[in-house]
Amino acid sequence: MRAVIGEDLTLLRDGLIRLLTAYDIDVVESVDNGPALLDALITHRPDVAIVDVRLPPTFTDEGLKAAIEARAQIPGLPILILSQHVEQLYARELLSSGTGGVGYLLKDRVSDVVSFVEAVRSVAAGGTVMDPEVVMQLLSRRAQPLERLTERELEVLAQMAEGRTNVGIASRLFITEGAISKHINNIFLKLGLQPDTDDNRRVLAVLTYLNT
């Protein structure tokens, strides 16, 4: 697996390189600013991009902009955002394309090495990984579309937003996989998501959750 890192903090950037290399993930380039990140992503077309939202020169959203621009040229480019804080707008913008692996983790999650590496691999494989703290803060802003859901359905949708499969959700909530499938079908129905493919409806349900 090949990765590109966009991180301006030298200690964290070097630490990520050593960590990923130890788990057989090849860091083909690491950069500390937005323009260099865009060039690296276009040049290397990595299996996953690990990106800080705020990079030089503006320290606003340079990292995210570079990642989204690269994804426009490389559809489905897997992107894992690492941020110091929960920035809800960026979480929603990252997921808005609905294609390719995406993730949003707070930087302190890197200290849990095994979980972090699993998140990197999941995003590279096309999965969605959301930091529980991000999900909790987005949940606090839920409004009209989600008011039709029961508390259990909201719990299931929150787990979906964290990127868990039906099996994973069932294990986390201590109920059967069949019950999870029933709850998810009810979520689709209540959110007005017509039958298409379950994958597409899962993404749309999560986007509804994050956008309210």
C-alpha atoms as a PDB file:
ATOM      1  CA  MET A   1       0.000   0.000   0.000  1.00  0.00           C
ATOM      2  CA  ARG A   2       1.261   3.480  -0.917  1.00  0.00           C
ATOM      3  CA  ALA A   3       0.470   6.628   1.068  1.00  0.00           C
ATOM      4  CA  VAL A   4       1.018  10.383   0.780  1.00  0.00           C
ATOM      5  CA  ILE A   5       1.050  12.498   3.944  1.00  0.00           C
ATOM      6  CA  GLY A   6       0.169  16.190   4.172  1.00  0.00           C
ATOM      7  CA  GLU A   7       1.106  17.479   7.645  1.00  0.00           C
ATOM      8  CA  ASP A   8       2.976  20.656   8.619  1.00  0.00           C
ATOM      9  CA  LEU A   9       4.039  19.572  12.132  1.00  0.00           C
ATOM     10  CA  THR A  10       7.448  17.982  11.650  1.00  0.00           C
ATOM     11  CA  LEU A  11       7.301  15.699  14.693  1.00  0.00           C
ATOM     12  CA  LEU A  12       3.857  14.342  13.803  1.00  0.00           C
ATOM     13  CA  ARG A  13       4.758  13.971  10.129  1.00  0.00           C
ATOM     14  CA  ASP A  14       7.940  12.037  10.934  1.00  0.00           C
ATOM     15  CA  GLY A  15       6.072   9.950  13.484  1.00  0.00           C
ATOM     16  CA  LEU A  16       3.414   9.024  10.931  1.00  0.00           C
ATOM     17  CA  ILE A  17       6.084   7.998   8.444  1.00  0.00           C
ATOM     18  CA  ARG A  18       7.772   5.703  10.974  1.00  0.00           C
ATOM     19  CA  LEU A  19       4.476   4.273  12.174  1.00  0.00           C
ATOM     20  CA  LEU A  20       3.109   3.495   8.709  1.00  0.00           C
ATOM     21  CA  THR A  21       6.418   2.098   7.503  1.00  0.00           C
ATOM     22  CA  ALA A  22       6.460  -0.273  10.480  1.00  0.00           C
ATOM     23  CA  TYR A  23       3.132  -1.656   9.269  1.00  0.00           C
ATOM     24  CA  ASP A  24       4.312  -2.150   5.667  1.00  0.00           C
ATOM     25  CA  ILE A  25       2.651   0.991   4.309  1.00  0.00           C
ATOM     26  CA  ASP A  26       5.007   2.773   1.929  1.00  0.00           C
ATOM     27  CA  VAL A  27       4.993   6.565   2.377  1.00  0.00           C
ATOM     28  CA  VAL A  28       5.923   7.669  -1.135  1.00  0.00           C
ATOM     29  CA  GLU A  29       5.991  11.368  -0.216  1.00  0.00           C
ATOM     30  CA  SER A  30       5.307  13.600   2.787  1.00  0.00           C
ATOM     31  CA  VAL A  31       4.745  17.340   2.431  1.00  0.00           C
ATOM     32  CA  ASP A  32       4.007  20.315   4.676  1.00  0.00           C
ATOM     33  CA  ASN A  33       1.835  22.632   2.545  1.00  0.00           C
ATOM     34  CA  GLY A  34      -1.239  22.622   0.324  1.00  0.00           C
ATOM     35  CA  PRO A  35       0.291  23.177  -3.139  1.00  0.00           C
ATOM     36  CA  ALA A  36       2.936  20.498  -2.555  1.00  0.00           C
ATOM     37  CA  LEU A  37       0.239  18.109  -1.355  1.00  0.00           C
ATOM     38  CA  LEU A  38      -1.780  18.544  -4.540  1.00  0.00           C
ATOM     39  CA  ASP A  39       1.313  17.919  -6.668  1.00  0.00           C
ATOM     40  CA  ALA A  40       2.206  14.814  -4.657  1.00  0.00           C
ATOM     41  CA  LEU A  41      -1.285  13.345  -4.925  1.00  0.00           C
ATOM     42  CA  ILE A  42      -1.510  13.913  -8.669  1.00  0.00           C
ATOM     43  CA  THR A  43       2.009  12.604  -9.258  1.00  0.00           C
ATOM     44  CA  HIS A  44       1.874   9.477  -7.098  1.00  0.00           C
ATOM     45  CA  ARG A  45      -1.855   8.585  -7.161  1.00  0.00           C
ATOM     46  CA  PRO A  46      -1.478   6.847  -3.789  1.00  0.00           C
ATOM     47  CA  ASP A  47      -3.724   4.185  -2.285  1.00  0.00           C
ATOM     48  CA  VAL A  48      -4.543   6.615   0.513  1.00  0.00           C
ATOM     49  CA  ALA A  49      -3.919  10.282   1.355  1.00  0.00           C
ATOM     50  CA  ILE A  50      -3.486  11.236   5.037  1.00  0.00           C
ATOM     51  CA  VAL A  51      -4.170  14.945   5.252  1.00  0.00           C
ATOM     52  CA  ASP A  52      -4.314  17.713   7.843  1.00  0.00           C
ATOM     53  CA  VAL A  53      -7.134  20.176   7.099  1.00  0.00           C
ATOM     54  CA  ARG A  54      -5.086  23.271   7.928  1.00  0.00           C
ATOM     55  CA  LEU A  55      -1.815  23.565   6.035  1.00  0.00           C
ATOM     56  CA  PRO A  56       0.390  26.461   4.892  1.00  0.00           C
ATOM     57  CA  PRO A  57       0.278  28.928   3.328  1.00  0.00           C
ATOM     58  CA  THR A  58      -3.076  30.056   4.794  1.00  0.00           C
ATOM     59  CA  PHE A  59      -3.524  27.575   7.671  1.00  0.00           C
ATOM     60  CA  THR A  60      -7.275  27.523   6.945  1.00  0.00           C
ATOM     61  CA  ASP A  61      -8.421  24.697   4.673  1.00  0.00           C
ATOM     62  CA  GLU A  62      -5.453  24.256   2.335  1.00  0.00           C
ATOM     63  CA  GLY A  63      -5.108  20.524   3.044  1.00  0.00           C
ATOM     64  CA  LEU A  64      -8.768  19.757   2.439  1.00  0.00           C
ATOM     65  CA  LYS A  65      -8.865  21.878  -0.719  1.00  0.00           C
ATOM     66  CA  ALA A  66      -5.836  20.061  -2.129  1.00  0.00           C
ATOM     67  CA  ALA A  67      -7.351  16.665  -1.329  1.00  0.00           C
ATOM     68  CA  ILE A  68     -10.715  17.526  -2.887  1.00  0.00           C
ATOM     69  CA  GLU A  69      -9.060  18.999  -5.987  1.00  0.00           C
ATOM     70  CA  ALA A  70      -6.922  15.872  -6.338  1.00  0.00           C
ATOM     71  CA  ARG A  71     -10.026  13.694  -5.987  1.00  0.00           C
ATOM     72  CA  ALA A  72     -11.697  15.669  -8.796  1.00  0.00           C
ATOM     73  CA  GLN A  73      -8.801  14.619 -11.038  1.00  0.00           C
ATOM     74  CA  ILE A  74      -8.520  11.110  -9.551  1.00  0.00           C
ATOM     75  CA  PRO A  75     -12.110   9.981  -8.852  1.00  0.00           C
ATOM     76  CA  GLY A  76     -12.433   7.895  -5.719  1.00  0.00           C
ATOM     77  CA  LEU A  77      -9.017   8.838  -4.296  1.00  0.00           C
ATOM     78  CA  PRO A  78      -9.161   7.609  -0.671  1.00  0.00           C
ATOM     79  CA  ILE A  79      -8.715  10.473   1.804  1.00  0.00           C
ATOM     80  CA  LEU A  80      -8.215  10.260   5.569  1.00  0.00           C
ATOM     81  CA  ILE A  81      -8.411  13.639   7.279  1.00  0.00           C
ATOM     82  CA  LEU A  82      -6.510  14.196  10.525  1.00  0.00           C
ATOM     83  CA  SER A  83      -7.553  17.303  12.430  1.00  0.00           C
ATOM     84  CA  GLN A  84      -6.825  18.830  15.811  1.00  0.00           C
ATOM     85  CA  HIS A  85     -10.474  19.758  16.280  1.00  0.00           C
ATOM     86  CA  VAL A  86     -13.935  18.695  15.131  1.00  0.00           C
ATOM     87  CA  GLU A  87     -14.687  20.866  12.102  1.00  0.00           C
ATOM     88  CA  GLN A  88     -18.189  19.936  11.022  1.00  0.00           C
ATOM     89  CA  LEU A  89     -18.210  21.751   7.689  1.00  0.00           C
ATOM     90  CA  TYR A  90     -15.104  19.895   6.551  1.00  0.00           C
ATOM     91  CA  ALA A  91     -16.558  16.533   7.605  1.00  0.00           C
ATOM     92  CA  ARG A  92     -19.652  17.137   5.487  1.00  0.00           C
ATOM     93  CA  GLU A  93     -17.699  18.480   2.515  1.00  0.00           C
ATOM     94  CA  LEU A  94     -15.391  15.485   2.520  1.00  0.00           C
ATOM     95  CA  LEU A  95     -18.324  13.059   2.354  1.00  0.00           C
ATOM     96  CA  SER A  96     -20.348  15.001  -0.209  1.00  0.00           C
ATOM     97  CA  SER A  97     -18.985  13.182  -3.274  1.00  0.00           C
ATOM     98  CA  GLY A  98     -20.275   9.831  -2.036  1.00  0.00           C
ATOM     99  CA  THR A  99     -17.482   7.916  -3.801  1.00  0.00           C
ATOM    100  CA  GLY A 100     -14.185   6.477  -2.644  1.00  0.00           C
ATOM    101  CA  GLY A 101     -12.860   5.803   0.831  1.00  0.00           C
ATOM    102  CA  VAL A 102     -13.093   8.666   3.305  1.00  0.00           C
ATOM    103  CA  GLY A 103     -12.214   9.171   6.948  1.00  0.00           C
ATOM    104  CA  TYR A 104     -12.090  11.917   9.566  1.00  0.00           C
ATOM    105  CA  LEU A 105     -10.091  11.317  12.741  1.00  0.00           C
ATOM    106  CA  LEU A 106      -8.874  13.581  15.504  1.00  0.00           C
ATOM    107  CA  LYS A 107      -5.091  13.629  15.805  1.00  0.00           C
ATOM    108  CA  ASP A 108      -5.055  12.168  19.287  1.00  0.00           C
ATOM    109  CA  ARG A 109      -6.403   8.909  17.806  1.00  0.00           C
ATOM    110  CA  VAL A 110      -2.947   8.303  16.313  1.00  0.00           C
ATOM    111  CA  SER A 111      -1.791   7.254  19.785  1.00  0.00           C
ATOM    112  CA  ASP A 112      -3.939   4.121  19.426  1.00  0.00           C
ATOM    113  CA  VAL A 113      -1.597   2.700  16.821  1.00  0.00           C
ATOM    114  CA  VAL A 114      -3.488  -0.471  15.918  1.00  0.00           C
ATOM    115  CA  SER A 115      -6.832   1.323  15.506  1.00  0.00           C
ATOM    116  CA  PHE A 116      -5.205   4.091  13.480  1.00  0.00           C
ATOM    117  CA  VAL A 117      -3.540   1.652  11.079  1.00  0.00           C
ATOM    118  CA  GLU A 118      -6.846  -0.222  10.732  1.00  0.00           C
ATOM    119  CA  ALA A 119      -8.529   3.090   9.866  1.00  0.00           C
ATOM    120  CA  VAL A 120      -5.888   3.826   7.207  1.00  0.00           C
ATOM    121  CA  ARG A 121      -6.369   0.382   5.662  1.00  0.00           C
ATOM    122  CA  SER A 122     -10.168   0.689   5.806  1.00  0.00           C
ATOM    123  CA  VAL A 123     -10.167   4.034   3.994  1.00  0.00           C
ATOM    124  CA  ALA A 124      -7.695   2.715   1.400  1.00  0.00           C
ATOM    125  CA  ALA A 125     -10.085  -0.191   0.784  1.00  0.00           C
ATOM    126  CA  GLY A 126     -12.971   2.204   0.107  1.00  0.00           C
ATOM    127  CA  GLY A 127     -14.489   2.311   3.583  1.00  0.00           C
ATOM    128  CA  THR A 128     -15.738   5.195   5.712  1.00  0.00           C
ATOM    129  CA  VAL A 129     -14.161   5.888   9.109  1.00  0.00           C
ATOM    130  CA  MET A 130     -15.503   8.634  11.357  1.00  0.00           C
ATOM    131  CA  ASP A 131     -14.082   9.607  14.730  1.00  0.00           C
ATOM    132  CA  PRO A 132     -16.691   9.000  17.453  1.00  0.00           C
ATOM    133  CA  GLU A 133     -16.173  12.553  18.733  1.00  0.00           C
ATOM    134  CA  VAL A 134     -16.968  13.932  15.270  1.00  0.00           C
ATOM    135  CA  VAL A 135     -20.101  11.809  15.126  1.00  0.00           C
ATOM    136  CA  MET A 136     -21.205  12.946  18.597  1.00  0.00           C
ATOM    137  CA  GLN A 137     -20.834  16.619  17.746  1.00  0.00           C
ATOM    138  CA  LEU A 138     -22.655  16.196  14.462  1.00  0.00           C
ATOM    139  CA  LEU A 139     -25.403  14.303  16.257  1.00  0.00           C
ATOM    140  CA  SER A 140     -25.937  17.297  18.556  1.00  0.00           C
ATOM    141  CA  ARG A 141     -26.947  19.301  15.483  1.00  0.00           C
ATOM    142  CA  ARG A 142     -29.491  16.826  14.119  1.00  0.00           C
ATOM    143  CA  ALA A 143     -32.775  18.368  13.018  1.00  0.00           C
ATOM    144  CA  GLN A 144     -35.981  17.657  11.089  1.00  0.00           C
ATOM    145  CA  PRO A 145     -35.011  14.713   8.789  1.00  0.00           C
ATOM    146  CA  LEU A 146     -33.841  12.616  11.731  1.00  0.00           C
ATOM    147  CA  GLU A 147     -36.689  13.408  14.115  1.00  0.00           C
ATOM    148  CA  ARG A 148     -38.707  10.595  12.567  1.00  0.00           C
ATOM    149  CA  LEU A 149     -36.142   8.023  13.704  1.00  0.00           C
ATOM    150  CA  THR A 150     -36.365   6.119  16.975  1.00  0.00           C
ATOM    151  CA  GLU A 151     -33.526   6.268  19.492  1.00  0.00           C
ATOM    152  CA  ARG A 152     -32.371   2.811  18.419  1.00  0.00           C
ATOM    153  CA  GLU A 153     -32.431   3.824  14.741  1.00  0.00           C
ATOM    154  CA  LEU A 154     -30.351   6.897  15.587  1.00  0.00           C
ATOM    155  CA  GLU A 155     -27.867   4.653  17.375  1.00  0.00           C
ATOM    156  CA  VAL A 156     -27.641   2.417  14.308  1.00  0.00           C
ATOM    157  CA  LEU A 157     -27.216   5.421  11.995  1.00  0.00           C
ATOM    158  CA  ALA A 158     -24.458   6.802  14.230  1.00  0.00           C
ATOM    159  CA  GLN A 159     -22.632   3.481  13.950  1.00  0.00           C
ATOM    160  CA  MET A 160     -23.078   3.555  10.158  1.00  0.00           C
ATOM    161  CA  ALA A 161     -21.520   7.038  10.147  1.00  0.00           C
ATOM    162  CA  GLU A 162     -18.488   5.586  11.926  1.00  0.00           C
ATOM    163  CA  GLY A 163     -18.078   3.169   9.014  1.00  0.00           C
ATOM    164  CA  ARG A 164     -19.208  -0.060  10.699  1.00  0.00           C
ATOM    165  CA  THR A 165     -20.761  -2.953   8.803  1.00  0.00           C
ATOM    166  CA  ASN A 166     -24.026  -4.592   9.864  1.00  0.00           C
ATOM    167  CA  VAL A 167     -22.032  -7.268  11.676  1.00  0.00           C
ATOM    168  CA  GLY A 168     -19.936  -4.625  13.448  1.00  0.00           C
ATOM    169  CA  ILE A 169     -23.026  -2.626  14.466  1.00  0.00           C
ATOM    170  CA  ALA A 170     -24.743  -5.753  15.798  1.00  0.00           C
ATOM    171  CA  SER A 171     -21.686  -6.555  17.889  1.00  0.00           C
ATOM    172  CA  ARG A 172     -21.418  -3.018  19.237  1.00  0.00           C
ATOM    173  CA  LEU A 173     -25.126  -2.734  20.142  1.00  0.00           C
ATOM    174  CA  PHE A 174     -25.484  -6.341  21.351  1.00  0.00           C
ATOM    175  CA  ILE A 175     -28.390  -7.206  19.048  1.00  0.00           C
ATOM    176  CA  THR A 176     -28.725  -9.577  16.105  1.00  0.00           C
ATOM    177  CA  GLU A 177     -27.594  -8.817  12.573  1.00  0.00           C
ATOM    178  CA  GLY A 178     -31.181  -9.427  11.436  1.00  0.00           C
ATOM    179  CA  ALA A 179     -32.407  -6.719  13.796  1.00  0.00           C
ATOM    180  CA  ILE A 180     -29.788  -4.333  12.413  1.00  0.00           C
ATOM    181  CA  SER A 181     -30.966  -5.012   8.853  1.00  0.00           C
ATOM    182  CA  LYS A 182     -34.535  -4.252   9.920  1.00  0.00           C
ATOM    183  CA  HIS A 183     -33.500  -0.993  11.603  1.00  0.00           C
ATOM    184  CA  ILE A 184     -31.495   0.074   8.537  1.00  0.00           C
ATOM    185  CA  ASN A 185     -34.434  -0.621   6.217  1.00  0.00           C
ATOM    186  CA  ASN A 186     -36.618   1.499   8.513  1.00  0.00           C
ATOM    187  CA  ILE A 187     -34.019   4.287   8.388  1.00  0.00           C
ATOM    188  CA  PHE A 188     -34.019   4.211   4.572  1.00  0.00           C
ATOM    189  CA  LEU A 189     -37.834   4.296   4.528  1.00  0.00           C
ATOM    190  CA  LYS A 190     -38.141   7.176   7.011  1.00  0.00           C
ATOM    191  CA  LEU A 191     -35.473   9.223   5.218  1.00  0.00           C
ATOM    192  CA  GLY A 192     -37.211   8.689   1.877  1.00  0.00           C
ATOM    193  CA  LEU A 193     -34.322   6.798   0.295  1.00  0.00           C
ATOM    194  CA  GLN A 194     -35.718   4.748  -2.556  1.00  0.00           C
ATOM    195  CA  PRO A 195     -34.315   1.293  -3.403  1.00  0.00           C
ATOM    196  CA  ASP A 196     -31.160   1.555  -5.475  1.00  0.00           C
ATOM    197  CA  THR A 197     -28.171  -0.228  -3.992  1.00  0.00           C
ATOM    198  CA  ASP A 198     -27.672  -0.628  -0.261  1.00  0.00           C
ATOM    199  CA  ASP A 199     -24.206   0.921  -0.569  1.00  0.00           C
ATOM    200  CA  ASN A 200     -25.588   4.086  -2.172  1.00  0.00           C
ATOM    201  CA  ARG A 201     -28.404   4.336   0.343  1.00  0.00           C
ATOM    202  CA  ARG A 202     -25.990   3.899   3.245  1.00  0.00           C
ATOM    203  CA  VAL A 203     -23.888   6.803   1.960  1.00  0.00           C
ATOM    204  CA  LEU A 204     -26.973   8.978   1.451  1.00  0.00           C
ATOM    205  CA  ALA A 205     -28.270   8.129   4.934  1.00  0.00           C
ATOM    206  CA  VAL A 206     -24.921   9.050   6.489  1.00  0.00           C
ATOM    207  CA  LEU A 207     -24.843  12.309   4.509  1.00  0.00           C
ATOM    208  CA  THR A 208     -28.323  13.147   5.769  1.00  0.00           C
ATOM    209  CA  TYR A 209     -27.103  12.458   9.291  1.00  0.00           C
ATOM    210  CA  LEU A 210     -24.015  14.663   8.895  1.00  0.00           C
ATOM    211  CA  ASN A 211     -25.820  17.500   7.129  1.00  0.00           C
ATOM    212  CA  THR A 212     -28.515  18.044   9.765  1.00  0.00           C
END
